[in-house]
């Protein structure tokens, strides 16, 4: 029986991908928060895989990062 999220948990994979894209731009969580309108504390939870992000927020983050929403779901890929 699993005791917690695994590395295949889509929330964790999404969070890791978001971190990757954010860091490739040299942005802090605060900067992404300001650019996207998504609260920094919420963003931190998403990046840690603790939050189940809403579609609207996925679109906001993608727009702020100048990527298409589907790029946030390309787990394990570089851009």
PDB file of N, CA and C in Angstrom:
ATOM      1  N   UNK A   1       0.838  -1.176   0.000  1.00  0.00           N
ATOM      2  CA  UNK A   1       0.000   0.000   0.000  1.00  0.00           C
ATOM      3  C   UNK A   1       0.887   1.245   0.000  1.00  0.00           C
ATOM      4  N   UNK A   2       0.526   2.216  -0.809  1.00  0.00           N
ATOM      5  CA  UNK A   2       1.297   3.450  -0.910  1.00  0.00           C
ATOM      6  C   UNK A   2       1.042   4.334   0.300  1.00  0.00           C
ATOM      7  N   UNK A   3       2.097   4.978   0.795  1.00  0.00           N
ATOM      8  CA  UNK A   3       1.953   5.851   1.962  1.00  0.00           C
ATOM      9  C   UNK A   3       1.937   7.327   1.585  1.00  0.00           C
ATOM     10  N   UNK A   4       2.096   7.644   0.323  1.00  0.00           N
ATOM     11  CA  UNK A   4       2.094   9.033  -0.105  1.00  0.00           C
ATOM     12  C   UNK A   4       2.212   9.133  -1.607  1.00  0.00           C
ATOM     13  N   UNK A   5       2.280  10.369  -2.090  1.00  0.00           N
ATOM     14  CA  UNK A   5       2.390  10.554  -3.535  1.00  0.00           C
ATOM     15  C   UNK A   5       3.680   9.934  -4.076  1.00  0.00           C
ATOM     16  N   UNK A   6       3.595   9.387  -5.249  1.00  0.00           N
ATOM     17  CA  UNK A   6       4.773   8.787  -5.871  1.00  0.00           C
ATOM     18  C   UNK A   6       5.298   9.712  -6.959  1.00  0.00           C
ATOM     19  N   UNK A   7       6.421   9.311  -7.536  1.00  0.00           N
ATOM     20  CA  UNK A   7       6.977  10.123  -8.616  1.00  0.00           C
ATOM     21  C   UNK A   7       6.149  10.030  -9.887  1.00  0.00           C
ATOM     22  N   UNK A   8       5.077   9.244  -9.877  1.00  0.00           N
ATOM     23  CA  UNK A   8       4.166   9.200 -11.018  1.00  0.00           C
ATOM     24  C   UNK A   8       2.898  10.007 -10.735  1.00  0.00           C
ATOM     25  N   UNK A   9       2.807  10.597  -9.548  1.00  0.00           N
ATOM     26  CA  UNK A   9       1.658  11.436  -9.199  1.00  0.00           C
ATOM     27  C   UNK A   9       1.676  12.652 -10.134  1.00  0.00           C
ATOM     28  N   UNK A  10       0.614  12.872 -10.898  1.00  0.00           N
ATOM     29  CA  UNK A  10       0.621  13.979 -11.854  1.00  0.00           C
ATOM     30  C   UNK A  10       0.785  15.345 -11.191  1.00  0.00           C
ATOM     31  N   UNK A  11       0.371  15.491  -9.932  1.00  0.00           N
ATOM     32  CA  UNK A  11       0.568  16.775  -9.242  1.00  0.00           C
ATOM     33  C   UNK A  11       2.053  17.049  -9.025  1.00  0.00           C
ATOM     34  N   UNK A  12       2.803  16.007  -8.681  1.00  0.00           N
ATOM     35  CA  UNK A  12       4.247  16.154  -8.479  1.00  0.00           C
ATOM     36  C   UNK A  12       4.947  16.392  -9.809  1.00  0.00           C
ATOM     37  N   UNK A  13       4.572  15.620 -10.823  1.00  0.00           N
ATOM     38  CA  UNK A  13       5.179  15.798 -12.152  1.00  0.00           C
ATOM     39  C   UNK A  13       4.900  17.192 -12.710  1.00  0.00           C
ATOM     40  N   UNK A  14       3.668  17.669 -12.522  1.00  0.00           N
ATOM     41  CA  UNK A  14       3.308  19.010 -12.987  1.00  0.00           C
ATOM     42  C   UNK A  14       4.138  20.056 -12.247  1.00  0.00           C
ATOM     43  N   UNK A  15       4.253  19.901 -10.941  1.00  0.00           N
ATOM     44  CA  UNK A  15       5.038  20.835 -10.138  1.00  0.00           C
ATOM     45  C   UNK A  15       6.489  20.871 -10.550  1.00  0.00           C
ATOM     46  N   UNK A  16       7.062  19.700 -10.817  1.00  0.00           N
ATOM     47  CA  UNK A  16       8.460  19.642 -11.261  1.00  0.00           C
ATOM     48  C   UNK A  16       8.629  20.323 -12.609  1.00  0.00           C
ATOM     49  N   UNK A  17       7.676  20.120 -13.500  1.00  0.00           N
ATOM     50  CA  UNK A  17       7.739  20.757 -14.823  1.00  0.00           C
ATOM     51  C   UNK A  17       7.613  22.274 -14.697  1.00  0.00           C
ATOM     52  N   UNK A  18       6.731  22.717 -13.825  1.00  0.00           N
ATOM     53  CA  UNK A  18       6.551  24.144 -13.609  1.00  0.00           C
ATOM     54  C   UNK A  18       7.838  24.771 -13.071  1.00  0.00           C
ATOM     55  N   UNK A  19       8.470  24.117 -12.116  1.00  0.00           N
ATOM     56  CA  UNK A  19       9.748  24.593 -11.580  1.00  0.00           C
ATOM     57  C   UNK A  19      10.775  24.690 -12.704  1.00  0.00           C
ATOM     58  N   UNK A  20      10.841  23.653 -13.535  1.00  0.00           N
ATOM     59  CA  UNK A  20      11.803  23.625 -14.636  1.00  0.00           C
ATOM     60  C   UNK A  20      11.606  24.822 -15.561  1.00  0.00           C
ATOM     61  N   UNK A  21      10.375  25.069 -15.972  1.00  0.00           N
ATOM     62  CA  UNK A  21      10.088  26.168 -16.891  1.00  0.00           C
ATOM     63  C   UNK A  21      10.365  27.519 -16.236  1.00  0.00           C
ATOM     64  N   UNK A  22       9.994  27.655 -14.972  1.00  0.00           N
ATOM     65  CA  UNK A  22      10.218  28.909 -14.246  1.00  0.00           C
ATOM     66  C   UNK A  22      11.719  29.199 -14.120  1.00  0.00           C
ATOM     67  N   UNK A  23      12.479  28.193 -13.739  1.00  0.00           N
ATOM     68  CA  UNK A  23      13.916  28.389 -13.550  1.00  0.00           C
ATOM     69  C   UNK A  23      14.643  28.632 -14.862  1.00  0.00           C
ATOM     70  N   UNK A  24      14.147  28.048 -15.955  1.00  0.00           N
ATOM     71  CA  UNK A  24      14.756  28.300 -17.260  1.00  0.00           C
ATOM     72  C   UNK A  24      14.661  29.780 -17.633  1.00  0.00           C
ATOM     73  N   UNK A  25      13.688  30.454 -17.088  1.00  0.00           N
ATOM     74  CA  UNK A  25      13.536  31.891 -17.337  1.00  0.00           C
ATOM     75  C   UNK A  25      14.257  32.727 -16.279  1.00  0.00           C
ATOM     76  N   UNK A  26      14.813  32.057 -15.280  1.00  0.00           N
ATOM     77  CA  UNK A  26      15.512  32.770 -14.218  1.00  0.00           C
ATOM     78  C   UNK A  26      14.564  33.490 -13.281  1.00  0.00           C
ATOM     79  N   UNK A  27      13.329  32.999 -13.198  1.00  0.00           N
ATOM     80  CA  UNK A  27      12.306  33.643 -12.381  1.00  0.00           C
ATOM     81  C   UNK A  27      12.197  32.988 -11.021  1.00  0.00           C
ATOM     82  N   UNK A  28      11.900  33.800 -10.018  1.00  0.00           N
ATOM     83  CA  UNK A  28      11.555  33.314  -8.685  1.00  0.00           C
ATOM     84  C   UNK A  28      10.060  32.975  -8.675  1.00  0.00           C
ATOM     85  N   UNK A  29       9.626  32.307  -7.610  1.00  0.00           N
ATOM     86  CA  UNK A  29       8.186  32.074  -7.458  1.00  0.00           C
ATOM     87  C   UNK A  29       7.453  33.404  -7.390  1.00  0.00           C
ATOM     88  N   UNK A  30       8.058  34.371  -6.706  1.00  0.00           N
ATOM     89  CA  UNK A  30       7.432  35.690  -6.568  1.00  0.00           C
ATOM     90  C   UNK A  30       7.216  36.332  -7.941  1.00  0.00           C
ATOM     91  N   UNK A  31       8.209  36.242  -8.805  1.00  0.00           N
ATOM     92  CA  UNK A  31       8.087  36.830 -10.145  1.00  0.00           C
ATOM     93  C   UNK A  31       6.979  36.145 -10.934  1.00  0.00           C
ATOM     94  N   UNK A  32       6.945  34.813 -10.905  1.00  0.00           N
ATOM     95  CA  UNK A  32       5.892  34.094 -11.624  1.00  0.00           C
ATOM     96  C   UNK A  32       4.527  34.434 -11.047  1.00  0.00           C
ATOM     97  N   UNK A  33       4.461  34.574  -9.747  1.00  0.00           N
ATOM     98  CA  UNK A  33       3.216  34.959  -9.106  1.00  0.00           C
ATOM     99  C   UNK A  33       2.732  36.319  -9.610  1.00  0.00           C
ATOM    100  N   UNK A  34       3.635  37.278  -9.660  1.00  0.00           N
ATOM    101  CA  UNK A  34       3.279  38.619 -10.125  1.00  0.00           C
ATOM    102  C   UNK A  34       2.880  38.620 -11.599  1.00  0.00           C
ATOM    103  N   UNK A  35       3.614  37.866 -12.414  1.00  0.00           N
ATOM    104  CA  UNK A  35       3.337  37.820 -13.854  1.00  0.00           C
ATOM    105  C   UNK A  35       2.025  37.106 -14.179  1.00  0.00           C
ATOM    106  N   UNK A  36       1.678  36.100 -13.374  1.00  0.00           N
ATOM    107  CA  UNK A  36       0.515  35.261 -13.678  1.00  0.00           C
ATOM    108  C   UNK A  36      -0.745  35.641 -12.904  1.00  0.00           C
ATOM    109  N   UNK A  37      -0.587  36.333 -11.783  1.00  0.00           N
ATOM    110  CA  UNK A  37      -1.739  36.631 -10.942  1.00  0.00           C
ATOM    111  C   UNK A  37      -2.121  35.478 -10.030  1.00  0.00           C
ATOM    112  N   UNK A  38      -1.281  34.450  -9.969  1.00  0.00           N
ATOM    113  CA  UNK A  38      -1.512  33.297  -9.092  1.00  0.00           C
ATOM    114  C   UNK A  38      -0.744  33.552  -7.793  1.00  0.00           C
ATOM    115  N   UNK A  39      -1.410  33.428  -6.666  1.00  0.00           N
ATOM    116  CA  UNK A  39      -0.796  33.716  -5.370  1.00  0.00           C
ATOM    117  C   UNK A  39       0.471  32.886  -5.157  1.00  0.00           C
ATOM    118  N   UNK A  40       1.510  33.516  -4.600  1.00  0.00           N
ATOM    119  CA  UNK A  40       2.782  32.844  -4.398  1.00  0.00           C
ATOM    120  C   UNK A  40       2.649  31.631  -3.488  1.00  0.00           C
ATOM    121  N   UNK A  41       1.868  31.720  -2.431  1.00  0.00           N
ATOM    122  CA  UNK A  41       1.709  30.575  -1.521  1.00  0.00           C
ATOM    123  C   UNK A  41       1.022  29.401  -2.234  1.00  0.00           C
ATOM    124  N   UNK A  42       0.040  29.701  -3.078  1.00  0.00           N
ATOM    125  CA  UNK A  42      -0.637  28.668  -3.864  1.00  0.00           C
ATOM    126  C   UNK A  42       0.345  28.052  -4.860  1.00  0.00           C
ATOM    127  N   UNK A  43       1.128  28.917  -5.513  1.00  0.00           N
ATOM    128  CA  UNK A  43       2.124  28.474  -6.482  1.00  0.00           C
ATOM    129  C   UNK A  43       3.130  27.530  -5.829  1.00  0.00           C
ATOM    130  N   UNK A  44       3.565  27.852  -4.619  1.00  0.00           N
ATOM    131  CA  UNK A  44       4.485  26.983  -3.890  1.00  0.00           C
ATOM    132  C   UNK A  44       3.885  25.611  -3.648  1.00  0.00           C
ATOM    133  N   UNK A  45       2.608  25.565  -3.310  1.00  0.00           N
ATOM    134  CA  UNK A  45       1.918  24.291  -3.108  1.00  0.00           C
ATOM    135  C   UNK A  45       1.817  23.486  -4.386  1.00  0.00           C
ATOM    136  N   UNK A  46       1.596  24.174  -5.506  1.00  0.00           N
ATOM    137  CA  UNK A  46       1.539  23.506  -6.811  1.00  0.00           C
ATOM    138  C   UNK A  46       2.905  22.907  -7.137  1.00  0.00           C
ATOM    139  N   UNK A  47       3.957  23.702  -6.933  1.00  0.00           N
ATOM    140  CA  UNK A  47       5.303  23.221  -7.256  1.00  0.00           C
ATOM    141  C   UNK A  47       5.716  22.041  -6.382  1.00  0.00           C
ATOM    142  N   UNK A  48       5.218  21.967  -5.168  1.00  0.00           N
ATOM    143  CA  UNK A  48       5.524  20.836  -4.272  1.00  0.00           C
ATOM    144  C   UNK A  48       4.599  19.635  -4.501  1.00  0.00           C
ATOM    145  N   UNK A  49       3.633  19.774  -5.401  1.00  0.00           N
ATOM    146  CA  UNK A  49       2.704  18.683  -5.672  1.00  0.00           C
ATOM    147  C   UNK A  49       1.644  18.526  -4.608  1.00  0.00           C
ATOM    148  N   UNK A  50       1.403  19.577  -3.835  1.00  0.00           N
ATOM    149  CA  UNK A  50       0.422  19.540  -2.745  1.00  0.00           C
ATOM    150  C   UNK A  50      -0.939  20.084  -3.154  1.00  0.00           C
ATOM    151  N   UNK A  51      -0.995  20.727  -4.293  1.00  0.00           N
ATOM    152  CA  UNK A  51      -2.249  21.335  -4.760  1.00  0.00           C
ATOM    153  C   UNK A  51      -2.667  20.718  -6.086  1.00  0.00           C
ATOM    154  N   UNK A  52      -3.958  20.566  -6.247  1.00  0.00           N
ATOM    155  CA  UNK A  52      -4.525  20.102  -7.507  1.00  0.00           C
ATOM    156  C   UNK A  52      -4.964  21.351  -8.270  1.00  0.00           C
ATOM    157  N   UNK A  53      -4.109  21.828  -9.155  1.00  0.00           N
ATOM    158  CA  UNK A  53      -4.292  23.123  -9.803  1.00  0.00           C
ATOM    159  C   UNK A  53      -5.489  23.137 -10.739  1.00  0.00           C
ATOM    160  N   UNK A  54      -6.176  24.269 -10.764  1.00  0.00           N
ATOM    161  CA  UNK A  54      -7.343  24.462 -11.626  1.00  0.00           C
ATOM    162  C   UNK A  54      -6.920  24.820 -13.043  1.00  0.00           C
ATOM    163  N   UNK A  55      -7.739  24.477 -13.996  1.00  0.00           N
ATOM    164  CA  UNK A  55      -7.473  24.744 -15.408  1.00  0.00           C
ATOM    165  C   UNK A  55      -7.192  26.222 -15.668  1.00  0.00           C
ATOM    166  N   UNK A  56      -7.971  27.103 -15.077  1.00  0.00           N
ATOM    167  CA  UNK A  56      -7.762  28.542 -15.273  1.00  0.00           C
ATOM    168  C   UNK A  56      -6.355  28.954 -14.839  1.00  0.00           C
ATOM    169  N   UNK A  57      -5.889  28.413 -13.731  1.00  0.00           N
ATOM    170  CA  UNK A  57      -4.546  28.746 -13.251  1.00  0.00           C
ATOM    171  C   UNK A  57      -3.458  28.141 -14.133  1.00  0.00           C
ATOM    172  N   UNK A  58      -3.710  26.973 -14.694  1.00  0.00           N
ATOM    173  CA  UNK A  58      -2.764  26.384 -15.655  1.00  0.00           C
ATOM    174  C   UNK A  58      -2.604  27.333 -16.841  1.00  0.00           C
ATOM    175  N   UNK A  59      -3.717  27.838 -17.343  1.00  0.00           N
ATOM    176  CA  UNK A  59      -3.675  28.760 -18.483  1.00  0.00           C
ATOM    177  C   UNK A  59      -2.971  30.062 -18.113  1.00  0.00           C
ATOM    178  N   UNK A  60      -3.201  30.578 -16.929  1.00  0.00           N
ATOM    179  CA  UNK A  60      -2.528  31.808 -16.483  1.00  0.00           C
ATOM    180  C   UNK A  60      -1.017  31.608 -16.402  1.00  0.00           C
ATOM    181  N   UNK A  61      -0.600  30.488 -15.832  1.00  0.00           N
ATOM    182  CA  UNK A  61       0.832  30.206 -15.704  1.00  0.00           C
ATOM    183  C   UNK A  61       1.478  30.029 -17.072  1.00  0.00           C
ATOM    184  N   UNK A  62       0.805  29.302 -17.957  1.00  0.00           N
ATOM    185  CA  UNK A  62       1.340  29.089 -19.305  1.00  0.00           C
ATOM    186  C   UNK A  62       1.508  30.421 -20.025  1.00  0.00           C
ATOM    187  N   UNK A  63       0.523  31.278 -19.937  1.00  0.00           N
ATOM    188  CA  UNK A  63       0.608  32.583 -20.597  1.00  0.00           C
ATOM    189  C   UNK A  63       1.773  33.395 -20.021  1.00  0.00           C
ATOM    190  N   UNK A  64       1.913  33.414 -18.711  1.00  0.00           N
ATOM    191  CA  UNK A  64       2.997  34.164 -18.074  1.00  0.00           C
ATOM    192  C   UNK A  64       4.364  33.637 -18.502  1.00  0.00           C
ATOM    193  N   UNK A  65       4.472  32.322 -18.685  1.00  0.00           N
ATOM    194  CA  UNK A  65       5.733  31.693 -19.069  1.00  0.00           C
ATOM    195  C   UNK A  65       5.945  31.674 -20.591  1.00  0.00           C
ATOM    196  N   UNK A  66       4.981  32.193 -21.335  1.00  0.00           N
ATOM    197  CA  UNK A  66       5.031  32.227 -22.809  1.00  0.00           C
ATOM    198  C   UNK A  66       5.154  30.831 -23.406  1.00  0.00           C
ATOM    199  N   UNK A  67       4.377  29.906 -22.856  1.00  0.00           N
ATOM    200  CA  UNK A  67       4.292  28.550 -23.397  1.00  0.00           C
ATOM    201  C   UNK A  67       2.818  28.207 -23.568  1.00  0.00           C
ATOM    202  N   UNK A  68       2.544  27.155 -24.319  1.00  0.00           N
ATOM    203  CA  UNK A  68       1.170  26.691 -24.435  1.00  0.00           C
ATOM    204  C   UNK A  68       0.855  25.831 -23.212  1.00  0.00           C
ATOM    205  N   UNK A  69      -0.400  25.767 -22.803  1.00  0.00           N
ATOM    206  CA  UNK A  69      -0.739  24.969 -21.623  1.00  0.00           C
ATOM    207  C   UNK A  69      -0.244  23.520 -21.699  1.00  0.00           C
ATOM    208  N   UNK A  70      -0.264  22.929 -22.895  1.00  0.00           N
ATOM    209  CA  UNK A  70       0.168  21.533 -23.002  1.00  0.00           C
ATOM    210  C   UNK A  70       1.650  21.354 -22.673  1.00  0.00           C
ATOM    211  N   UNK A  71       2.449  22.408 -22.821  1.00  0.00           N
ATOM    212  CA  UNK A  71       3.868  22.292 -22.484  1.00  0.00           C
ATOM    213  C   UNK A  71       4.082  22.070 -20.991  1.00  0.00           C
ATOM    214  N   UNK A  72       3.144  22.479 -20.185  1.00  0.00           N
ATOM    215  CA  UNK A  72       3.246  22.246 -18.743  1.00  0.00           C
ATOM    216  C   UNK A  72       3.033  20.772 -18.396  1.00  0.00           C
ATOM    217  N   UNK A  73       2.492  20.014 -19.338  1.00  0.00           N
ATOM    218  CA  UNK A  73       2.237  18.587 -19.115  1.00  0.00           C
ATOM    219  C   UNK A  73       3.270  17.691 -19.793  1.00  0.00           C
ATOM    220  N   UNK A  74       4.314  18.269 -20.342  1.00  0.00           N
ATOM    221  CA  UNK A  74       5.373  17.479 -20.982  1.00  0.00           C
ATOM    222  C   UNK A  74       6.401  17.085 -19.923  1.00  0.00           C
ATOM    223  N   UNK A  75       6.007  16.138 -19.108  1.00  0.00           N
ATOM    224  CA  UNK A  75       6.825  15.718 -17.990  1.00  0.00           C
ATOM    225  C   UNK A  75       8.096  15.029 -18.465  1.00  0.00           C
ATOM    226  N   UNK A  76       9.207  15.388 -17.855  1.00  0.00           N
ATOM    227  CA  UNK A  76      10.479  14.775 -18.181  1.00  0.00           C
ATOM    228  C   UNK A  76      11.112  15.279 -19.460  1.00  0.00           C
ATOM    229  N   UNK A  77      10.601  16.379 -20.002  1.00  0.00           N
ATOM    230  CA  UNK A  77      11.140  16.934 -21.239  1.00  0.00           C
ATOM    231  C   UNK A  77      11.796  18.277 -20.967  1.00  0.00           C
ATOM    232  N   UNK A  78      12.746  18.629 -21.789  1.00  0.00           N
ATOM    233  CA  UNK A  78      13.338  19.951 -21.783  1.00  0.00           C
ATOM    234  C   UNK A  78      12.710  20.752 -22.913  1.00  0.00           C
ATOM    235  N   UNK A  79      12.706  22.058 -22.763  1.00  0.00           N
ATOM    236  CA  UNK A  79      12.185  22.878 -23.855  1.00  0.00           C
ATOM    237  C   UNK A  79      13.314  23.554 -24.571  1.00  0.00           C
TER     238      UNK A  79
END
